[in-house]
Amino acid sequence: MSRFLSEEDGCRVIAIGDVNGGAYNPDGLNVAQLSDYRDKTGSLAGFPGAKELPGPRDVLEIECDILIPAALENQIALDNVDRIRTRMIAEAANGPTTLGADEKLNQRGVMVIPDIFLNAGGVTVSYFEWTKNLSHIRYGRMEKRLDEIYRDRLVATFEQVTGKVVPDRQRRELLKGADEVDLVNSGLEGTMQNAYREIREALDKDPRLADLRTAAFAVAIQKVARSYMELGVFP
């Protein structure tokens, strides 16, 4: 995740930790080099140009804009929540924040993106895979060639109208139809955006919902109830 955030989204990753400790550099870590170093040495300790964090939970207390507790549950608890210095927590593990710590974070105004939402991406893609297996046809097989034809016509129209020729490299990029991975990523992004929009709207509309976690549970329960009613389980 840290590698994706740094390389794809341009985030500055200043600290990374594991069960044995961590590495910290306020100017940013080279995540790719740190990953290679850990593969070779089996540890983050001693990574060149970084301060060593000896404790497994020390990385949680580094001041930052976004804190991402991953892999382990109950990482943020009453014994360390007061030392958490961040504006936002994105829960990439199942249950990384205890109930008591969550209440304190909300009181301090720290935005917590809950695991019930943030961890749903993997389940969403598993659902895509299930629907693909039912149809026995990979995504994009039926429409990719048609998509490429339309793109070719669009580029040709652009060249005709402007009187300019699109360079070969750009032409290949424009004409390339969506592969299966492109369609899956697009579907995942759209699903996650819609889900967050629903949660945010519920939070803004209902004064009884105090935070994103509560709003996410409320939205989920409403969807289950609606499904039961449509099936005739409830009168």
C-alpha atoms as a PDB file:
ATOM      1  CA  MET A   1       0.000   0.000   0.000  1.00  0.00           C
ATOM      2  CA  SER A   2       2.750   2.469   0.902  1.00  0.00           C
ATOM      3  CA  ARG A   3       4.497   1.757  -2.391  1.00  0.00           C
ATOM      4  CA  PHE A   4       1.302   2.410  -4.335  1.00  0.00           C
ATOM      5  CA  LEU A   5       0.639   5.645  -2.446  1.00  0.00           C
ATOM      6  CA  SER A   6       4.147   6.961  -3.010  1.00  0.00           C
ATOM      7  CA  GLU A   7       4.584   5.896  -6.643  1.00  0.00           C
ATOM      8  CA  GLU A   8       1.054   6.287  -8.000  1.00  0.00           C
ATOM      9  CA  ASP A   9      -0.477   9.043  -5.874  1.00  0.00           C
ATOM     10  CA  GLY A  10       2.656  11.051  -5.083  1.00  0.00           C
ATOM     11  CA  CYS A  11       2.294  10.832  -1.305  1.00  0.00           C
ATOM     12  CA  ARG A  12       5.299  11.450   0.917  1.00  0.00           C
ATOM     13  CA  VAL A  13       5.628   8.402   3.146  1.00  0.00           C
ATOM     14  CA  ILE A  14       7.617   9.435   6.227  1.00  0.00           C
ATOM     15  CA  ALA A  15       7.391   6.305   8.386  1.00  0.00           C
ATOM     16  CA  ILE A  16       6.754   2.588   7.975  1.00  0.00           C
ATOM     17  CA  GLY A  17       6.618  -0.018  10.714  1.00  0.00           C
ATOM     18  CA  ASP A  18       6.199  -3.752  11.241  1.00  0.00           C
ATOM     19  CA  VAL A  19       6.093  -6.104  14.230  1.00  0.00           C
ATOM     20  CA  ASN A  20       9.796  -5.537  14.913  1.00  0.00           C
ATOM     21  CA  GLY A  21       9.971  -1.755  14.702  1.00  0.00           C
ATOM     22  CA  GLY A  22      10.139   0.794  11.943  1.00  0.00           C
ATOM     23  CA  ALA A  23      11.959   3.437   9.907  1.00  0.00           C
ATOM     24  CA  TYR A  24      11.324   7.190   9.917  1.00  0.00           C
ATOM     25  CA  ASN A  25      12.478  10.091   7.776  1.00  0.00           C
ATOM     26  CA  PRO A  26      10.529  13.385   7.899  1.00  0.00           C
ATOM     27  CA  ASP A  27      11.703  14.201   4.352  1.00  0.00           C
ATOM     28  CA  GLY A  28      10.218  10.958   3.036  1.00  0.00           C
ATOM     29  CA  LEU A  29      11.280   7.330   2.600  1.00  0.00           C
ATOM     30  CA  ASN A  30      12.135   5.641  -0.664  1.00  0.00           C
ATOM     31  CA  VAL A  31       9.559   2.884  -0.292  1.00  0.00           C
ATOM     32  CA  ALA A  32      10.926   0.722  -3.116  1.00  0.00           C
ATOM     33  CA  GLN A  33      14.440   0.755  -1.656  1.00  0.00           C
ATOM     34  CA  LEU A  34      13.089   0.126   1.846  1.00  0.00           C
ATOM     35  CA  SER A  35      11.134  -2.868   0.561  1.00  0.00           C
ATOM     36  CA  ASP A  36      14.230  -4.315  -1.109  1.00  0.00           C
ATOM     37  CA  TYR A  37      16.254  -3.687   2.048  1.00  0.00           C
ATOM     38  CA  ARG A  38      13.725  -5.537   4.199  1.00  0.00           C
ATOM     39  CA  ASP A  39      13.656  -8.463   1.753  1.00  0.00           C
ATOM     40  CA  LYS A  40      17.436  -8.772   1.995  1.00  0.00           C
ATOM     41  CA  THR A  41      17.909  -8.207   5.741  1.00  0.00           C
ATOM     42  CA  GLY A  42      14.564  -9.363   7.117  1.00  0.00           C
ATOM     43  CA  SER A  43      14.169  -6.110   9.032  1.00  0.00           C
ATOM     44  CA  LEU A  44      13.585  -2.377   8.664  1.00  0.00           C
ATOM     45  CA  ALA A  45      16.278  -1.656  11.235  1.00  0.00           C
ATOM     46  CA  GLY A  46      19.384   0.085   9.942  1.00  0.00           C
ATOM     47  CA  PHE A  47      17.882   1.331   6.693  1.00  0.00           C
ATOM     48  CA  PRO A  48      20.282   4.040   5.414  1.00  0.00           C
ATOM     49  CA  GLY A  49      19.071   7.608   5.845  1.00  0.00           C
ATOM     50  CA  ALA A  50      16.265   6.761   8.267  1.00  0.00           C
ATOM     51  CA  LYS A  51      15.823   6.916  12.029  1.00  0.00           C
ATOM     52  CA  GLU A  52      15.151   3.560  13.599  1.00  0.00           C
ATOM     53  CA  LEU A  53      11.905   3.103  15.517  1.00  0.00           C
ATOM     54  CA  PRO A  54      12.562   0.289  18.021  1.00  0.00           C
ATOM     55  CA  GLY A  55       8.994  -0.459  19.131  1.00  0.00           C
ATOM     56  CA  PRO A  56       6.317  -2.083  16.934  1.00  0.00           C
ATOM     57  CA  ARG A  57       3.794   0.673  17.780  1.00  0.00           C
ATOM     58  CA  ASP A  58       6.206   3.620  17.654  1.00  0.00           C
ATOM     59  CA  VAL A  59       5.288   4.362  14.043  1.00  0.00           C
ATOM     60  CA  LEU A  60       1.714   5.135  15.141  1.00  0.00           C
ATOM     61  CA  GLU A  61       2.907   8.091  17.211  1.00  0.00           C
ATOM     62  CA  ILE A  62       4.743   9.896  14.407  1.00  0.00           C
ATOM     63  CA  GLU A  63       3.093  13.224  13.587  1.00  0.00           C
ATOM     64  CA  CYS A  64       1.558  13.020  10.126  1.00  0.00           C
ATOM     65  CA  ASP A  65      -1.411  14.011   7.977  1.00  0.00           C
ATOM     66  CA  ILE A  66      -2.720  10.483   7.373  1.00  0.00           C
ATOM     67  CA  LEU A  67      -2.047   7.447   9.560  1.00  0.00           C
ATOM     68  CA  ILE A  68      -2.732   4.006   8.054  1.00  0.00           C
ATOM     69  CA  PRO A  69      -2.811   1.180  10.615  1.00  0.00           C
ATOM     70  CA  ALA A  70      -2.600  -2.037   8.597  1.00  0.00           C
ATOM     71  CA  ALA A  71      -2.400  -5.793   9.161  1.00  0.00           C
ATOM     72  CA  LEU A  72      -2.990  -5.930  12.942  1.00  0.00           C
ATOM     73  CA  GLU A  73      -6.071  -5.309  15.071  1.00  0.00           C
ATOM     74  CA  ASN A  74      -6.249  -3.245  18.277  1.00  0.00           C
ATOM     75  CA  GLN A  75      -3.182  -1.174  17.392  1.00  0.00           C
ATOM     76  CA  ILE A  76      -4.695   2.095  18.580  1.00  0.00           C
ATOM     77  CA  ALA A  77      -6.014   1.658  22.108  1.00  0.00           C
ATOM     78  CA  LEU A  78      -6.527   3.660  25.297  1.00  0.00           C
ATOM     79  CA  ASP A  79      -2.881   3.275  26.290  1.00  0.00           C
ATOM     80  CA  ASN A  80      -1.560   5.112  23.210  1.00  0.00           C
ATOM     81  CA  VAL A  81      -4.465   7.062  21.681  1.00  0.00           C
ATOM     82  CA  ASP A  82      -3.475  10.300  23.425  1.00  0.00           C
ATOM     83  CA  ARG A  83      -0.091  10.148  21.672  1.00  0.00           C
ATOM     84  CA  ILE A  84      -1.590   9.722  18.200  1.00  0.00           C
ATOM     85  CA  ARG A  85      -0.807  12.909  16.228  1.00  0.00           C
ATOM     86  CA  THR A  86      -2.615  12.848  12.913  1.00  0.00           C
ATOM     87  CA  ARG A  87      -5.518  14.530  11.143  1.00  0.00           C
ATOM     88  CA  MET A  88      -6.911  11.370   9.585  1.00  0.00           C
ATOM     89  CA  ILE A  89      -6.778   7.634  10.229  1.00  0.00           C
ATOM     90  CA  ALA A  90      -7.431   5.261   7.335  1.00  0.00           C
ATOM     91  CA  GLU A  91      -8.075   1.797   8.755  1.00  0.00           C
ATOM     92  CA  ALA A  92      -6.443  -0.715   6.418  1.00  0.00           C
ATOM     93  CA  ALA A  93      -6.699  -3.538   8.963  1.00  0.00           C
ATOM     94  CA  ASN A  94      -9.712  -5.222  10.506  1.00  0.00           C
ATOM     95  CA  GLY A  95     -10.453  -3.531  13.820  1.00  0.00           C
ATOM     96  CA  PRO A  96      -7.181  -1.604  14.291  1.00  0.00           C
ATOM     97  CA  THR A  97      -8.863   0.875  16.650  1.00  0.00           C
ATOM     98  CA  THR A  98     -10.529  -0.141  19.911  1.00  0.00           C
ATOM     99  CA  LEU A  99     -13.929   1.239  20.875  1.00  0.00           C
ATOM    100  CA  GLY A 100     -12.561   3.444  23.646  1.00  0.00           C
ATOM    101  CA  ALA A 101      -9.793   4.846  21.444  1.00  0.00           C
ATOM    102  CA  ASP A 102     -12.281   5.497  18.648  1.00  0.00           C
ATOM    103  CA  GLU A 103     -14.446   7.588  20.983  1.00  0.00           C
ATOM    104  CA  LYS A 104     -11.447   9.664  22.040  1.00  0.00           C
ATOM    105  CA  LEU A 105     -10.367  10.242  18.450  1.00  0.00           C
ATOM    106  CA  ASN A 106     -13.847  11.423  17.531  1.00  0.00           C
ATOM    107  CA  GLN A 107     -13.876  13.802  20.483  1.00  0.00           C
ATOM    108  CA  ARG A 108     -10.591  15.281  19.269  1.00  0.00           C
ATOM    109  CA  GLY A 109     -11.955  15.741  15.752  1.00  0.00           C
ATOM    110  CA  VAL A 110      -9.677  13.168  14.117  1.00  0.00           C
ATOM    111  CA  MET A 111     -11.345  11.833  10.983  1.00  0.00           C
ATOM    112  CA  VAL A 112     -11.437   8.023  10.967  1.00  0.00           C
ATOM    113  CA  ILE A 113     -12.167   6.247   7.678  1.00  0.00           C
ATOM    114  CA  PRO A 114     -13.488   2.949   9.054  1.00  0.00           C
ATOM    115  CA  ASP A 115     -12.344  -0.526   8.102  1.00  0.00           C
ATOM    116  CA  ILE A 116     -15.879  -1.567   7.144  1.00  0.00           C
ATOM    117  CA  PHE A 117     -15.542   0.776   4.167  1.00  0.00           C
ATOM    118  CA  LEU A 118     -11.825   0.988   3.461  1.00  0.00           C
ATOM    119  CA  ASN A 119     -11.281  -2.773   3.500  1.00  0.00           C
ATOM    120  CA  ALA A 120     -14.259  -3.446   1.229  1.00  0.00           C
ATOM    121  CA  GLY A 121     -12.203  -3.178  -1.957  1.00  0.00           C
ATOM    122  CA  GLY A 122     -10.916  -6.745  -1.770  1.00  0.00           C
ATOM    123  CA  VAL A 123     -14.406  -8.143  -1.225  1.00  0.00           C
ATOM    124  CA  THR A 124     -15.706  -6.035  -4.106  1.00  0.00           C
ATOM    125  CA  VAL A 125     -13.136  -7.452  -6.518  1.00  0.00           C
ATOM    126  CA  SER A 126     -13.925 -10.959  -5.239  1.00  0.00           C
ATOM    127  CA  TYR A 127     -17.539 -10.296  -6.206  1.00  0.00           C
ATOM    128  CA  PHE A 128     -16.405  -9.240  -9.674  1.00  0.00           C
ATOM    129  CA  GLU A 129     -14.449 -12.483  -9.942  1.00  0.00           C
ATOM    130  CA  TRP A 130     -17.522 -14.478  -8.866  1.00  0.00           C
ATOM    131  CA  THR A 131     -19.721 -12.880 -11.527  1.00  0.00           C
ATOM    132  CA  LYS A 132     -17.012 -13.495 -14.128  1.00  0.00           C
ATOM    133  CA  ASN A 133     -16.822 -17.174 -13.181  1.00  0.00           C
ATOM    134  CA  LEU A 134     -20.595 -17.487 -13.511  1.00  0.00           C
ATOM    135  CA  SER A 135     -20.523 -16.111 -17.059  1.00  0.00           C
ATOM    136  CA  HIS A 136     -17.323 -17.954 -18.090  1.00  0.00           C
ATOM    137  CA  ILE A 137     -16.329 -14.867 -20.105  1.00  0.00           C
ATOM    138  CA  ARG A 138     -13.552 -12.468 -19.168  1.00  0.00           C
ATOM    139  CA  TYR A 139     -14.429  -8.806 -18.794  1.00  0.00           C
ATOM    140  CA  GLY A 140     -14.013  -6.780 -21.974  1.00  0.00           C
ATOM    141  CA  ARG A 141     -14.049  -9.715 -24.371  1.00  0.00           C
ATOM    142  CA  MET A 142     -17.345  -8.716 -26.005  1.00  0.00           C
ATOM    143  CA  GLU A 143     -16.756  -4.994 -26.367  1.00  0.00           C
ATOM    144  CA  LYS A 144     -12.990  -4.375 -26.553  1.00  0.00           C
ATOM    145  CA  ARG A 145     -12.710  -4.582 -30.358  1.00  0.00           C
ATOM    146  CA  LEU A 146     -15.780  -2.368 -30.821  1.00  0.00           C
ATOM    147  CA  ASP A 147     -14.295   0.144 -28.380  1.00  0.00           C
ATOM    148  CA  GLU A 148     -11.051   0.219 -30.393  1.00  0.00           C
ATOM    149  CA  ILE A 149     -12.993   0.831 -33.624  1.00  0.00           C
ATOM    150  CA  TYR A 150     -14.822   3.798 -32.112  1.00  0.00           C
ATOM    151  CA  ARG A 151     -11.556   5.194 -30.786  1.00  0.00           C
ATOM    152  CA  ASP A 152      -9.947   4.846 -34.228  1.00  0.00           C
ATOM    153  CA  ARG A 153     -12.829   6.761 -35.814  1.00  0.00           C
ATOM    154  CA  LEU A 154     -12.555   9.476 -33.164  1.00  0.00           C
ATOM    155  CA  VAL A 155      -8.815   9.936 -33.772  1.00  0.00           C
ATOM    156  CA  ALA A 156      -9.381   9.966 -37.545  1.00  0.00           C
ATOM    157  CA  THR A 157     -12.065  12.633 -37.152  1.00  0.00           C
ATOM    158  CA  PHE A 158      -9.735  14.714 -34.993  1.00  0.00           C
ATOM    159  CA  GLU A 159      -6.985  14.499 -37.602  1.00  0.00           C
ATOM    160  CA  GLN A 160      -9.408  15.409 -40.386  1.00  0.00           C
ATOM    161  CA  VAL A 161     -10.806  18.437 -38.557  1.00  0.00           C
ATOM    162  CA  THR A 162      -7.474  19.795 -37.321  1.00  0.00           C
ATOM    163  CA  GLY A 163      -5.345  18.785 -40.287  1.00  0.00           C
ATOM    164  CA  LYS A 164      -2.740  17.399 -37.897  1.00  0.00           C
ATOM    165  CA  VAL A 165      -1.482  13.841 -37.511  1.00  0.00           C
ATOM    166  CA  VAL A 166      -1.476  12.234 -34.069  1.00  0.00           C
ATOM    167  CA  PRO A 167       2.014  10.826 -33.255  1.00  0.00           C
ATOM    168  CA  ASP A 168       2.271   7.031 -33.370  1.00  0.00           C
ATOM    169  CA  ARG A 169       2.885   6.595 -29.633  1.00  0.00           C
ATOM    170  CA  GLN A 170      -0.083   8.726 -28.673  1.00  0.00           C
ATOM    171  CA  ARG A 171      -2.197   7.036 -31.341  1.00  0.00           C
ATOM    172  CA  ARG A 172      -1.467   3.598 -29.836  1.00  0.00           C
ATOM    173  CA  GLU A 173      -2.377   4.853 -26.384  1.00  0.00           C
ATOM    174  CA  LEU A 174      -5.638   6.381 -27.616  1.00  0.00           C
ATOM    175  CA  LEU A 175      -6.663   3.351 -29.676  1.00  0.00           C
ATOM    176  CA  LYS A 176      -5.958   0.770 -26.984  1.00  0.00           C
ATOM    177  CA  GLY A 177      -9.237  -0.666 -25.734  1.00  0.00           C
ATOM    178  CA  ALA A 178      -9.813  -1.389 -22.073  1.00  0.00           C
ATOM    179  CA  ASP A 179      -8.248  -4.624 -20.787  1.00  0.00           C
ATOM    180  CA  GLU A 180      -9.857  -6.727 -18.084  1.00  0.00           C
ATOM    181  CA  VAL A 181      -7.700  -5.175 -15.375  1.00  0.00           C
ATOM    182  CA  ASP A 182      -8.717  -1.685 -16.544  1.00  0.00           C
ATOM    183  CA  LEU A 183     -12.396  -2.593 -16.303  1.00  0.00           C
ATOM    184  CA  VAL A 184     -11.975  -4.163 -12.863  1.00  0.00           C
ATOM    185  CA  ASN A 185     -10.100  -1.114 -11.556  1.00  0.00           C
ATOM    186  CA  SER A 186     -12.731   1.180 -13.043  1.00  0.00           C
ATOM    187  CA  GLY A 187     -15.546  -0.826 -11.474  1.00  0.00           C
ATOM    188  CA  LEU A 188     -13.764  -0.889  -8.123  1.00  0.00           C
ATOM    189  CA  GLU A 189     -13.153   2.848  -8.152  1.00  0.00           C
ATOM    190  CA  GLY A 190     -16.754   3.591  -9.037  1.00  0.00           C
ATOM    191  CA  THR A 191     -18.087   1.228  -6.384  1.00  0.00           C
ATOM    192  CA  MET A 192     -15.896   2.705  -3.649  1.00  0.00           C
ATOM    193  CA  GLN A 193     -16.751   6.279  -4.660  1.00  0.00           C
ATOM    194  CA  ASN A 194     -20.474   5.557  -4.585  1.00  0.00           C
ATOM    195  CA  ALA A 195     -20.180   3.785  -1.241  1.00  0.00           C
ATOM    196  CA  TYR A 196     -18.328   6.699   0.344  1.00  0.00           C
ATOM    197  CA  ARG A 197     -20.853   9.145  -1.103  1.00  0.00           C
ATOM    198  CA  GLU A 198     -23.693   7.170   0.524  1.00  0.00           C
ATOM    199  CA  ILE A 199     -21.908   7.119   3.874  1.00  0.00           C
ATOM    200  CA  ARG A 200     -21.071  10.808   3.738  1.00  0.00           C
ATOM    201  CA  GLU A 201     -24.626  11.780   2.782  1.00  0.00           C
ATOM    202  CA  ALA A 202     -26.032   9.698   5.639  1.00  0.00           C
ATOM    203  CA  LEU A 203     -23.646  11.371   8.074  1.00  0.00           C
ATOM    204  CA  ASP A 204     -24.568  14.857   6.864  1.00  0.00           C
ATOM    205  CA  LYS A 205     -28.330  14.245   6.900  1.00  0.00           C
ATOM    206  CA  ASP A 206     -28.829  12.360  10.175  1.00  0.00           C
ATOM    207  CA  PRO A 207     -27.748  14.234  13.338  1.00  0.00           C
ATOM    208  CA  ARG A 208     -27.810  10.953  15.274  1.00  0.00           C
ATOM    209  CA  LEU A 209     -24.808   9.702  13.304  1.00  0.00           C
ATOM    210  CA  ALA A 210     -21.694  11.086  14.931  1.00  0.00           C
ATOM    211  CA  ASP A 211     -18.945   9.717  12.679  1.00  0.00           C
ATOM    212  CA  LEU A 212     -18.188   7.826   9.475  1.00  0.00           C
ATOM    213  CA  ARG A 213     -18.074   4.454  11.233  1.00  0.00           C
ATOM    214  CA  THR A 214     -21.560   4.824  12.660  1.00  0.00           C
ATOM    215  CA  ALA A 215     -22.828   6.137   9.328  1.00  0.00           C
ATOM    216  CA  ALA A 216     -21.290   3.171   7.487  1.00  0.00           C
ATOM    217  CA  PHE A 217     -23.020   0.713   9.824  1.00  0.00           C
ATOM    218  CA  ALA A 218     -26.319   2.562   9.423  1.00  0.00           C
ATOM    219  CA  VAL A 219     -26.103   2.462   5.621  1.00  0.00           C
ATOM    220  CA  ALA A 220     -25.196  -1.248   5.681  1.00  0.00           C
ATOM    221  CA  ILE A 221     -28.103  -2.121   7.995  1.00  0.00           C
ATOM    222  CA  GLN A 222     -30.518  -0.156   5.809  1.00  0.00           C
ATOM    223  CA  LYS A 223     -29.371  -2.100   2.747  1.00  0.00           C
ATOM    224  CA  VAL A 224     -29.811  -5.451   4.507  1.00  0.00           C
ATOM    225  CA  ALA A 225     -33.262  -4.427   5.738  1.00  0.00           C
ATOM    226  CA  ARG A 226     -34.252  -3.283   2.248  1.00  0.00           C
ATOM    227  CA  SER A 227     -33.145  -6.602   0.761  1.00  0.00           C
ATOM    228  CA  TYR A 228     -35.123  -8.546   3.369  1.00  0.00           C
ATOM    229  CA  MET A 229     -38.235  -6.483   2.662  1.00  0.00           C
ATOM    230  CA  GLU A 230     -37.895  -7.029  -1.101  1.00  0.00           C
ATOM    231  CA  LEU A 231     -37.606 -10.782  -0.459  1.00  0.00           C
ATOM    232  CA  GLY A 232     -40.726 -10.689   1.678  1.00  0.00           C
ATOM    233  CA  VAL A 233     -38.934 -11.622   4.889  1.00  0.00           C
ATOM    234  CA  PHE A 234     -40.434  -8.569   6.617  1.00  0.00           C
ATOM    235  CA  PRO A 235     -44.060  -7.510   6.141  1.00  0.00           C
END
